[in-house]
Amino acid sequence: MFEKNLKIGYLLDFYGSLLSEKKRTVLDRYYNDDLSLSEIAEELGISRQGVRELIKHSEEELFFYEENLRLAEKAGKTREASETLLSLLKEQGASKEILAATQQLLSTVNG
């Protein structure tokens, strides 16, 4: 369950702007703010079941985007490769300029 929560949060970072404001808000309140279904329902003035359905549909939408676009997967691979490159460059005694450029690349990937 914890892994799923992290994955949804990660996908929300990538694709959240593609969701409706209501779906984005519900996922944010549920996964990032750790509110219960009842708390979100009360806040939005809808039923607890309505909140659960919004979460389910929103999750499906996020997984659909990732399945088709693979942006989160590609960013993860780019981050890993950048970290490896930076480590190797440090071991080899690369110049400050090369290390700075690589660190900048890694910072860009990490957002």
N, C-alpha and C. Protein backbone atom coordinates (compact mmCIF):
# COMPACT_ATOMS: atom_id res chain seq x y z
N MET A 1 0.83 -1.20 0.00
CA MET A 1 0.00 0.00 0.00
C MET A 1 0.87 1.25 0.00
N PHE A 2 1.94 1.23 0.80
CA PHE A 2 2.83 2.39 0.88
C PHE A 2 3.45 2.70 -0.47
N GLU A 3 3.87 1.63 -1.19
CA GLU A 3 4.45 1.82 -2.52
C GLU A 3 3.46 2.45 -3.48
N LYS A 4 2.20 2.00 -3.41
CA LYS A 4 1.17 2.55 -4.28
C LYS A 4 0.98 4.04 -3.98
N ASN A 5 0.97 4.40 -2.70
CA ASN A 5 0.82 5.80 -2.32
C ASN A 5 1.94 6.65 -2.89
N LEU A 6 3.17 6.15 -2.82
CA LEU A 6 4.30 6.88 -3.39
C LEU A 6 4.17 7.01 -4.90
N LYS A 7 3.77 5.93 -5.54
CA LYS A 7 3.63 5.93 -7.01
C LYS A 7 2.57 6.94 -7.43
N ILE A 8 1.43 6.94 -6.74
CA ILE A 8 0.36 7.89 -7.09
C ILE A 8 0.86 9.32 -6.88
N GLY A 9 1.55 9.58 -5.78
CA GLY A 9 2.10 10.92 -5.54
C GLY A 9 3.07 11.34 -6.62
N TYR A 10 3.90 10.41 -7.04
CA TYR A 10 4.88 10.67 -8.09
C TYR A 10 4.17 10.96 -9.42
N LEU A 11 3.18 10.15 -9.76
CA LEU A 11 2.43 10.36 -10.99
C LEU A 11 1.63 11.65 -10.94
N LEU A 12 1.15 12.00 -9.76
CA LEU A 12 0.41 13.25 -9.61
C LEU A 12 1.32 14.45 -9.90
N ASP A 13 2.59 14.33 -9.51
CA ASP A 13 3.55 15.39 -9.83
C ASP A 13 3.71 15.56 -11.34
N PHE A 14 3.71 14.46 -12.06
CA PHE A 14 3.91 14.51 -13.52
C PHE A 14 2.65 14.90 -14.28
N TYR A 15 1.55 14.30 -13.92
CA TYR A 15 0.34 14.41 -14.73
C TYR A 15 -0.81 15.15 -14.05
N GLY A 16 -0.59 15.66 -12.86
CA GLY A 16 -1.66 16.32 -12.12
C GLY A 16 -2.33 17.44 -12.88
N SER A 17 -1.57 18.17 -13.65
CA SER A 17 -2.16 19.30 -14.40
C SER A 17 -3.10 18.83 -15.51
N LEU A 18 -3.05 17.54 -15.85
CA LEU A 18 -3.95 17.00 -16.87
C LEU A 18 -5.30 16.58 -16.28
N LEU A 19 -5.36 16.48 -14.97
CA LEU A 19 -6.60 16.11 -14.30
C LEU A 19 -7.47 17.34 -14.10
N SER A 20 -8.76 17.11 -13.90
CA SER A 20 -9.64 18.23 -13.56
C SER A 20 -9.22 18.76 -12.19
N GLU A 21 -9.59 19.97 -11.90
CA GLU A 21 -9.21 20.57 -10.62
C GLU A 21 -9.77 19.76 -9.45
N LYS A 22 -10.98 19.26 -9.60
CA LYS A 22 -11.60 18.48 -8.53
C LYS A 22 -10.84 17.17 -8.29
N LYS A 23 -10.48 16.47 -9.36
CA LYS A 23 -9.74 15.22 -9.23
C LYS A 23 -8.37 15.47 -8.61
N ARG A 24 -7.72 16.51 -9.06
CA ARG A 24 -6.39 16.85 -8.56
C ARG A 24 -6.47 17.18 -7.07
N THR A 25 -7.48 17.95 -6.69
CA THR A 25 -7.66 18.33 -5.28
C THR A 25 -7.91 17.11 -4.41
N VAL A 26 -8.78 16.23 -4.86
CA VAL A 26 -9.10 15.03 -4.07
C VAL A 26 -7.86 14.16 -3.88
N LEU A 27 -7.11 13.91 -4.96
CA LEU A 27 -5.90 13.10 -4.82
C LEU A 27 -4.88 13.79 -3.92
N ASP A 28 -4.72 15.07 -4.07
CA ASP A 28 -3.77 15.81 -3.25
C ASP A 28 -4.16 15.73 -1.77
N ARG A 29 -5.41 15.93 -1.48
CA ARG A 29 -5.88 15.89 -0.09
C ARG A 29 -5.74 14.48 0.49
N TYR A 30 -5.99 13.47 -0.34
CA TYR A 30 -5.94 12.09 0.14
C TYR A 30 -4.51 11.59 0.30
N TYR A 31 -3.68 11.77 -0.73
CA TYR A 31 -2.33 11.21 -0.71
C TYR A 31 -1.29 12.13 -0.08
N ASN A 32 -1.37 13.42 -0.32
CA ASN A 32 -0.35 14.33 0.20
C ASN A 32 -0.69 14.89 1.58
N ASP A 33 -1.98 15.18 1.80
CA ASP A 33 -2.39 15.74 3.09
C ASP A 33 -2.87 14.67 4.06
N ASP A 34 -3.01 13.43 3.58
CA ASP A 34 -3.40 12.28 4.38
C ASP A 34 -4.76 12.45 5.05
N LEU A 35 -5.70 13.09 4.35
CA LEU A 35 -7.06 13.22 4.87
C LEU A 35 -7.84 11.94 4.58
N SER A 36 -8.80 11.65 5.42
CA SER A 36 -9.65 10.47 5.22
C SER A 36 -10.72 10.79 4.16
N LEU A 37 -11.37 9.73 3.69
CA LEU A 37 -12.45 9.91 2.72
C LEU A 37 -13.54 10.79 3.31
N SER A 38 -13.86 10.57 4.57
CA SER A 38 -14.90 11.35 5.25
C SER A 38 -14.52 12.83 5.36
N GLU A 39 -13.27 13.10 5.68
CA GLU A 39 -12.82 14.48 5.79
C GLU A 39 -12.90 15.20 4.45
N ILE A 40 -12.49 14.50 3.40
CA ILE A 40 -12.55 15.10 2.06
C ILE A 40 -14.00 15.30 1.63
N ALA A 41 -14.84 14.32 1.92
CA ALA A 41 -16.25 14.41 1.57
C ALA A 41 -16.90 15.61 2.23
N GLU A 42 -16.61 15.80 3.50
CA GLU A 42 -17.17 16.94 4.23
C GLU A 42 -16.67 18.25 3.64
N GLU A 43 -15.39 18.31 3.32
CA GLU A 43 -14.79 19.52 2.75
C GLU A 43 -15.41 19.88 1.41
N LEU A 44 -15.69 18.86 0.58
CA LEU A 44 -16.20 19.11 -0.76
C LEU A 44 -17.72 19.08 -0.85
N GLY A 45 -18.36 18.63 0.22
CA GLY A 45 -19.83 18.57 0.22
C GLY A 45 -20.38 17.45 -0.64
N ILE A 46 -19.64 16.33 -0.70
CA ILE A 46 -20.10 15.16 -1.44
C ILE A 46 -20.04 13.95 -0.52
N SER A 47 -20.57 12.83 -0.99
CA SER A 47 -20.57 11.62 -0.16
C SER A 47 -19.17 11.01 -0.08
N ARG A 48 -18.99 10.18 0.94
CA ARG A 48 -17.74 9.44 1.10
C ARG A 48 -17.52 8.54 -0.10
N GLN A 49 -18.60 7.90 -0.58
CA GLN A 49 -18.52 7.04 -1.76
C GLN A 49 -18.13 7.85 -3.01
N GLY A 50 -18.63 9.06 -3.08
CA GLY A 50 -18.28 9.94 -4.20
C GLY A 50 -16.79 10.25 -4.22
N VAL A 51 -16.24 10.46 -3.05
CA VAL A 51 -14.80 10.71 -2.93
C VAL A 51 -14.03 9.47 -3.37
N ARG A 52 -14.46 8.30 -2.90
CA ARG A 52 -13.77 7.05 -3.25
C ARG A 52 -13.78 6.84 -4.76
N GLU A 53 -14.92 7.10 -5.40
CA GLU A 53 -15.02 6.95 -6.86
C GLU A 53 -14.12 7.95 -7.58
N LEU A 54 -14.07 9.18 -7.09
CA LEU A 54 -13.18 10.18 -7.69
C LEU A 54 -11.72 9.74 -7.59
N ILE A 55 -11.34 9.20 -6.44
CA ILE A 55 -9.97 8.72 -6.26
C ILE A 55 -9.69 7.59 -7.23
N LYS A 56 -10.60 6.63 -7.31
CA LYS A 56 -10.41 5.48 -8.19
C LYS A 56 -10.26 5.92 -9.65
N HIS A 57 -11.16 6.77 -10.12
CA HIS A 57 -11.10 7.23 -11.51
C HIS A 57 -9.86 8.08 -11.78
N SER A 58 -9.48 8.88 -10.81
CA SER A 58 -8.29 9.72 -10.96
C SER A 58 -7.03 8.88 -11.03
N GLU A 59 -6.94 7.86 -10.18
CA GLU A 59 -5.80 6.95 -10.22
C GLU A 59 -5.72 6.26 -11.57
N GLU A 60 -6.85 5.78 -12.07
CA GLU A 60 -6.88 5.12 -13.37
C GLU A 60 -6.39 6.06 -14.46
N GLU A 61 -6.79 7.31 -14.37
CA GLU A 61 -6.38 8.30 -15.36
C GLU A 61 -4.86 8.53 -15.31
N LEU A 62 -4.32 8.64 -14.10
CA LEU A 62 -2.87 8.82 -13.96
C LEU A 62 -2.11 7.63 -14.53
N PHE A 63 -2.57 6.40 -14.22
CA PHE A 63 -1.91 5.21 -14.74
C PHE A 63 -2.03 5.13 -16.27
N PHE A 64 -3.15 5.59 -16.81
CA PHE A 64 -3.32 5.63 -18.27
C PHE A 64 -2.28 6.56 -18.90
N TYR A 65 -2.11 7.75 -18.32
CA TYR A 65 -1.12 8.68 -18.85
C TYR A 65 0.28 8.09 -18.80
N GLU A 66 0.64 7.47 -17.69
CA GLU A 66 1.98 6.91 -17.55
C GLU A 66 2.17 5.73 -18.50
N GLU A 67 1.14 4.91 -18.65
CA GLU A 67 1.24 3.76 -19.55
C GLU A 67 1.51 4.21 -20.99
N ASN A 68 0.92 5.32 -21.37
CA ASN A 68 1.05 5.78 -22.74
C ASN A 68 2.21 6.75 -22.97
N LEU A 69 2.55 7.55 -21.98
CA LEU A 69 3.59 8.56 -22.15
C LEU A 69 4.93 8.17 -21.52
N ARG A 70 4.90 7.44 -20.43
CA ARG A 70 6.11 6.95 -19.73
C ARG A 70 7.04 8.08 -19.27
N LEU A 71 6.50 9.24 -18.97
CA LEU A 71 7.34 10.36 -18.55
C LEU A 71 7.98 10.13 -17.19
N ALA A 72 7.23 9.58 -16.26
CA ALA A 72 7.77 9.33 -14.92
C ALA A 72 8.87 8.27 -14.98
N GLU A 73 8.64 7.23 -15.77
CA GLU A 73 9.65 6.18 -15.93
C GLU A 73 10.93 6.74 -16.55
N LYS A 74 10.77 7.53 -17.60
CA LYS A 74 11.93 8.11 -18.28
C LYS A 74 12.69 9.07 -17.36
N ALA A 75 11.96 9.84 -16.56
CA ALA A 75 12.62 10.76 -15.62
C ALA A 75 13.41 9.99 -14.58
N GLY A 76 12.85 8.88 -14.11
CA GLY A 76 13.57 8.06 -13.13
C GLY A 76 14.86 7.49 -13.71
N LYS A 77 14.79 7.00 -14.93
CA LYS A 77 15.99 6.46 -15.59
C LYS A 77 17.02 7.56 -15.84
N THR A 78 16.54 8.73 -16.22
CA THR A 78 17.45 9.85 -16.45
C THR A 78 18.12 10.28 -15.15
N ARG A 79 17.36 10.30 -14.06
CA ARG A 79 17.91 10.65 -12.75
C ARG A 79 18.99 9.65 -12.34
N GLU A 80 18.71 8.36 -12.49
CA GLU A 80 19.68 7.33 -12.13
C GLU A 80 20.96 7.45 -12.97
N ALA A 81 20.80 7.66 -14.26
CA ALA A 81 21.96 7.79 -15.14
C ALA A 81 22.76 9.04 -14.78
N SER A 82 22.08 10.13 -14.46
CA SER A 82 22.77 11.37 -14.08
C SER A 82 23.55 11.20 -12.79
N GLU A 83 22.95 10.50 -11.82
CA GLU A 83 23.64 10.26 -10.55
C GLU A 83 24.87 9.38 -10.76
N THR A 84 24.73 8.36 -11.60
CA THR A 84 25.87 7.50 -11.91
C THR A 84 26.97 8.29 -12.61
N LEU A 85 26.60 9.10 -13.58
CA LEU A 85 27.56 9.93 -14.29
C LEU A 85 28.29 10.87 -13.35
N LEU A 86 27.56 11.52 -12.47
CA LEU A 86 28.18 12.44 -11.53
C LEU A 86 29.17 11.70 -10.62
N SER A 87 28.77 10.54 -10.15
CA SER A 87 29.65 9.74 -9.29
C SER A 87 30.93 9.34 -10.03
N LEU A 88 30.78 8.89 -11.26
CA LEU A 88 31.94 8.49 -12.06
C LEU A 88 32.87 9.67 -12.35
N LEU A 89 32.27 10.81 -12.64
CA LEU A 89 33.09 12.00 -12.92
C LEU A 89 33.86 12.44 -11.69
N LYS A 90 33.24 12.33 -10.52
CA LYS A 90 33.94 12.68 -9.28
C LYS A 90 35.10 11.72 -9.03
N GLU A 91 34.86 10.44 -9.26
CA GLU A 91 35.92 9.43 -9.07
C GLU A 91 37.10 9.67 -10.01
N GLN A 92 36.81 10.13 -11.21
CA GLN A 92 37.85 10.34 -12.22
C GLN A 92 38.52 11.70 -12.10
N GLY A 93 38.06 12.51 -11.15
CA GLY A 93 38.68 13.82 -10.96
C GLY A 93 38.35 14.80 -12.06
N ALA A 94 37.13 14.79 -12.52
CA ALA A 94 36.72 15.70 -13.59
C ALA A 94 36.85 17.15 -13.13
N SER A 95 36.92 18.03 -14.10
CA SER A 95 37.07 19.46 -13.79
C SER A 95 35.82 19.98 -13.08
N LYS A 96 36.00 21.11 -12.39
CA LYS A 96 34.88 21.74 -11.68
C LYS A 96 33.75 22.11 -12.63
N GLU A 97 34.12 22.52 -13.83
CA GLU A 97 33.11 22.93 -14.82
C GLU A 97 32.24 21.73 -15.24
N ILE A 98 32.89 20.60 -15.48
CA ILE A 98 32.14 19.40 -15.88
C ILE A 98 31.26 18.93 -14.74
N LEU A 99 31.80 18.94 -13.53
CA LEU A 99 31.00 18.53 -12.37
C LEU A 99 29.83 19.47 -12.16
N ALA A 100 30.05 20.76 -12.33
CA ALA A 100 28.97 21.74 -12.16
C ALA A 100 27.88 21.54 -13.21
N ALA A 101 28.28 21.29 -14.45
CA ALA A 101 27.29 21.06 -15.51
C ALA A 101 26.49 19.79 -15.25
N THR A 102 27.16 18.76 -14.79
CA THR A 102 26.48 17.50 -14.48
C THR A 102 25.55 17.67 -13.29
N GLN A 103 25.99 18.41 -12.29
CA GLN A 103 25.14 18.67 -11.13
C GLN A 103 23.91 19.48 -11.54
N GLN A 104 24.10 20.41 -12.46
CA GLN A 104 22.97 21.21 -12.97
C GLN A 104 21.97 20.31 -13.70
N LEU A 105 22.48 19.38 -14.48
CA LEU A 105 21.62 18.41 -15.17
C LEU A 105 20.81 17.62 -14.15
N LEU A 106 21.47 17.14 -13.12
CA LEU A 106 20.80 16.35 -12.10
C LEU A 106 19.75 17.20 -11.37
N SER A 107 20.07 18.44 -11.10
CA SER A 107 19.11 19.33 -10.45
C SER A 107 17.86 19.55 -11.31
N THR A 108 18.08 19.66 -12.61
CA THR A 108 16.98 19.85 -13.55
C THR A 108 16.07 18.62 -13.56
N VAL A 109 16.67 17.45 -13.55
CA VAL A 109 15.91 16.19 -13.56
C VAL A 109 15.11 16.04 -12.27
N ASN A 110 15.70 16.46 -11.15
CA ASN A 110 15.03 16.32 -9.86
C ASN A 110 13.94 17.36 -9.65
N GLY A 111 13.87 18.35 -10.54
CA GLY A 111 12.81 19.34 -10.46
C GLY A 111 13.12 20.37 -9.47
